Amino acid sequence: MSDAYVINFGTNLDRRQLIAAADAVCKMDRKREVVWDVSKFTSVPWGELGFVADIMKKIKPFAKIKIIKNKIILPNSTWKAALKCLYALATPAAPTELYVGSLDASAS
């Protein structure tokens, strides 16, 4: 994972940060693994799933070219249900692996 593009989110979803991260992924200079670290989120942002799905749909043409695979670092297993709901709205453009815990634990 040494060449992975890592996006660390804080304790909740910030729309501006998500938009900036999506833009940065689209502008990557080469195809890379992308790590979306939401492990510090304190709750599932259920009300924002539609917004996140819209972002996923908008960057999908770029993501197919730029992302080798996604790794999503989740705070707990409840998040897997949230992602199933999200993926019903928009499927990831690249293979996606889910990890529960912290970024440090998933790197080992």
C-alpha atoms as a PDB file:
ATOM      1  CA  MET A   1       0.000   0.000   0.000  1.00  0.00           C
ATOM      2  CA  SER A   2       3.038   2.282  -0.157  1.00  0.00           C
ATOM      3  CA  ASP A   3       1.851   4.048  -3.306  1.00  0.00           C
ATOM      4  CA  ALA A   4      -1.783   4.250  -2.257  1.00  0.00           C
ATOM      5  CA  TYR A   5      -3.585   7.570  -2.356  1.00  0.00           C
ATOM      6  CA  VAL A   6      -5.002   7.922   1.169  1.00  0.00           C
ATOM      7  CA  ILE A   7      -7.951  10.141   2.023  1.00  0.00           C
ATOM      8  CA  ASN A   8      -8.483  10.605   5.768  1.00  0.00           C
ATOM      9  CA  PHE A   9     -11.828  11.889   6.921  1.00  0.00           C
ATOM     10  CA  GLY A  10     -12.420  13.254  10.409  1.00  0.00           C
ATOM     11  CA  THR A  11     -15.279  12.252  12.662  1.00  0.00           C
ATOM     12  CA  ASN A  12     -18.074  13.130  10.232  1.00  0.00           C
ATOM     13  CA  LEU A  13     -18.762  13.738   6.555  1.00  0.00           C
ATOM     14  CA  ASP A  14     -17.698  17.128   5.263  1.00  0.00           C
ATOM     15  CA  ARG A  15     -19.190  17.683   1.811  1.00  0.00           C
ATOM     16  CA  ARG A  16     -16.405  20.053   0.766  1.00  0.00           C
ATOM     17  CA  GLN A  17     -13.749  17.555   1.787  1.00  0.00           C
ATOM     18  CA  LEU A  18     -15.500  14.776  -0.142  1.00  0.00           C
ATOM     19  CA  ILE A  19     -15.753  16.949  -3.262  1.00  0.00           C
ATOM     20  CA  ALA A  20     -12.069  17.927  -2.967  1.00  0.00           C
ATOM     21  CA  ALA A  21     -11.047  14.287  -2.480  1.00  0.00           C
ATOM     22  CA  ALA A  22     -13.076  13.169  -5.494  1.00  0.00           C
ATOM     23  CA  ASP A  23     -11.512  15.947  -7.573  1.00  0.00           C
ATOM     24  CA  ALA A  24      -8.015  14.924  -6.448  1.00  0.00           C
ATOM     25  CA  VAL A  25      -8.694  11.295  -7.415  1.00  0.00           C
ATOM     26  CA  CYS A  26      -9.780  12.418 -10.878  1.00  0.00           C
ATOM     27  CA  LYS A  27      -6.530  14.397 -11.248  1.00  0.00           C
ATOM     28  CA  MET A  28      -4.123  11.682 -10.066  1.00  0.00           C
ATOM     29  CA  ASP A  29      -1.134  11.420 -12.393  1.00  0.00           C
ATOM     30  CA  ARG A  30      -1.325   7.620 -12.626  1.00  0.00           C
ATOM     31  CA  LYS A  31      -3.536   4.692 -11.759  1.00  0.00           C
ATOM     32  CA  ARG A  32      -3.384   3.971  -8.009  1.00  0.00           C
ATOM     33  CA  GLU A  33      -5.069   2.230  -5.128  1.00  0.00           C
ATOM     34  CA  VAL A  34      -7.274   4.661  -3.188  1.00  0.00           C
ATOM     35  CA  VAL A  35      -7.868   4.310   0.552  1.00  0.00           C
ATOM     36  CA  TRP A  36     -10.984   6.040   1.893  1.00  0.00           C
ATOM     37  CA  ASP A  37     -10.478   6.165   5.673  1.00  0.00           C
ATOM     38  CA  VAL A  38     -13.735   6.821   7.526  1.00  0.00           C
ATOM     39  CA  SER A  39     -12.634   4.847  10.583  1.00  0.00           C
ATOM     40  CA  LYS A  40     -13.028   7.835  12.911  1.00  0.00           C
ATOM     41  CA  PHE A  41     -16.626   8.591  11.951  1.00  0.00           C
ATOM     42  CA  THR A  42     -18.844   8.631  15.023  1.00  0.00           C
ATOM     43  CA  SER A  43     -22.034   7.687  13.149  1.00  0.00           C
ATOM     44  CA  VAL A  44     -23.201   6.585   9.720  1.00  0.00           C
ATOM     45  CA  PRO A  45     -24.212   9.674   7.704  1.00  0.00           C
ATOM     46  CA  TRP A  46     -27.480   8.101   6.496  1.00  0.00           C
ATOM     47  CA  GLY A  47     -28.850  11.447   5.320  1.00  0.00           C
ATOM     48  CA  GLU A  48     -25.808  11.992   3.075  1.00  0.00           C
ATOM     49  CA  LEU A  49     -25.885   8.686   1.142  1.00  0.00           C
ATOM     50  CA  GLY A  50     -27.649  10.323  -1.812  1.00  0.00           C
ATOM     51  CA  PHE A  51     -25.003  13.048  -1.955  1.00  0.00           C
ATOM     52  CA  VAL A  52     -22.177  10.499  -1.796  1.00  0.00           C
ATOM     53  CA  ALA A  53     -23.862   8.424  -4.534  1.00  0.00           C
ATOM     54  CA  ASP A  54     -24.086  11.521  -6.759  1.00  0.00           C
ATOM     55  CA  ILE A  55     -20.352  12.168  -6.290  1.00  0.00           C
ATOM     56  CA  MET A  56     -19.590   8.521  -7.114  1.00  0.00           C
ATOM     57  CA  LYS A  57     -21.630   8.750 -10.309  1.00  0.00           C
ATOM     58  CA  LYS A  58     -19.968  12.008 -11.369  1.00  0.00           C
ATOM     59  CA  ILE A  59     -16.422  10.703 -11.005  1.00  0.00           C
ATOM     60  CA  LYS A  60     -17.087   7.173 -12.305  1.00  0.00           C
ATOM     61  CA  PRO A  61     -15.633   7.772 -15.817  1.00  0.00           C
ATOM     62  CA  PHE A  62     -12.408   9.106 -14.253  1.00  0.00           C
ATOM     63  CA  ALA A  63     -12.351   6.529 -11.473  1.00  0.00           C
ATOM     64  CA  LYS A  64     -12.426   3.677 -14.001  1.00  0.00           C
ATOM     65  CA  ILE A  65      -9.197   5.071 -15.451  1.00  0.00           C
ATOM     66  CA  LYS A  66      -7.488   6.255 -12.254  1.00  0.00           C
ATOM     67  CA  ILE A  67      -8.339   3.704  -9.531  1.00  0.00           C
ATOM     68  CA  ILE A  68      -6.829   0.220  -9.381  1.00  0.00           C
ATOM     69  CA  LYS A  69      -8.918  -0.618  -6.330  1.00  0.00           C
ATOM     70  CA  ASN A  70     -10.629   1.076  -3.423  1.00  0.00           C
ATOM     71  CA  LYS A  71     -10.013   0.232   0.207  1.00  0.00           C
ATOM     72  CA  ILE A  72     -12.559   1.562   2.647  1.00  0.00           C
ATOM     73  CA  ILE A  73     -11.565   1.592   6.298  1.00  0.00           C
ATOM     74  CA  LEU A  74     -14.717   1.404   8.444  1.00  0.00           C
ATOM     75  CA  PRO A  75     -15.139   2.124  12.157  1.00  0.00           C
ATOM     76  CA  ASN A  76     -17.326  -0.942  12.788  1.00  0.00           C
ATOM     77  CA  SER A  77     -19.337  -3.659  11.059  1.00  0.00           C
ATOM     78  CA  THR A  78     -22.561  -1.586  11.088  1.00  0.00           C
ATOM     79  CA  TRP A  79     -21.027   0.328   8.215  1.00  0.00           C
ATOM     80  CA  LYS A  80     -21.217  -2.664   5.904  1.00  0.00           C
ATOM     81  CA  ALA A  81     -25.016  -2.287   5.887  1.00  0.00           C
ATOM     82  CA  ALA A  82     -24.656   1.416   5.096  1.00  0.00           C
ATOM     83  CA  LEU A  83     -22.374   0.654   2.165  1.00  0.00           C
ATOM     84  CA  LYS A  84     -24.829  -1.920   0.813  1.00  0.00           C
ATOM     85  CA  CYS A  85     -27.437   0.863   0.772  1.00  0.00           C
ATOM     86  CA  LEU A  86     -24.976   3.228  -0.897  1.00  0.00           C
ATOM     87  CA  TYR A  87     -24.001   0.653  -3.528  1.00  0.00           C
ATOM     88  CA  ALA A  88     -27.686   0.161  -4.358  1.00  0.00           C
ATOM     89  CA  LEU A  89     -27.643   3.847  -5.405  1.00  0.00           C
ATOM     90  CA  ALA A  90     -24.217   3.850  -7.104  1.00  0.00           C
ATOM     91  CA  THR A  91     -21.763   1.021  -7.652  1.00  0.00           C
ATOM     92  CA  PRO A  92     -18.029   1.619  -7.246  1.00  0.00           C
ATOM     93  CA  ALA A  93     -16.066   2.054 -10.477  1.00  0.00           C
ATOM     94  CA  ALA A  94     -13.225  -0.159  -9.257  1.00  0.00           C
ATOM     95  CA  PRO A  95     -12.980  -3.269  -7.089  1.00  0.00           C
ATOM     96  CA  THR A  96     -13.576  -2.356  -3.468  1.00  0.00           C
ATOM     97  CA  GLU A  97     -12.344  -3.995  -0.279  1.00  0.00           C
ATOM     98  CA  LEU A  98     -13.839  -3.209   3.128  1.00  0.00           C
ATOM     99  CA  TYR A  99     -11.830  -3.241   6.350  1.00  0.00           C
ATOM    100  CA  VAL A 100     -13.066  -2.708   9.887  1.00  0.00           C
ATOM    101  CA  GLY A 101     -10.668  -0.962  12.229  1.00  0.00           C
ATOM    102  CA  SER A 102      -7.954   1.589  11.602  1.00  0.00           C
ATOM    103  CA  LEU A 103      -5.718   2.344   8.664  1.00  0.00           C
ATOM    104  CA  ASP A 104      -2.709   1.185  10.685  1.00  0.00           C
ATOM    105  CA  ALA A 105      -4.296  -2.190  11.408  1.00  0.00           C
ATOM    106  CA  SER A 106      -5.234  -2.764   7.750  1.00  0.00           C
ATOM    107  CA  ALA A 107      -1.680  -2.077   6.549  1.00  0.00           C
ATOM    108  CA  SER A 108      -0.257  -5.058   8.403  1.00  0.00           C
END
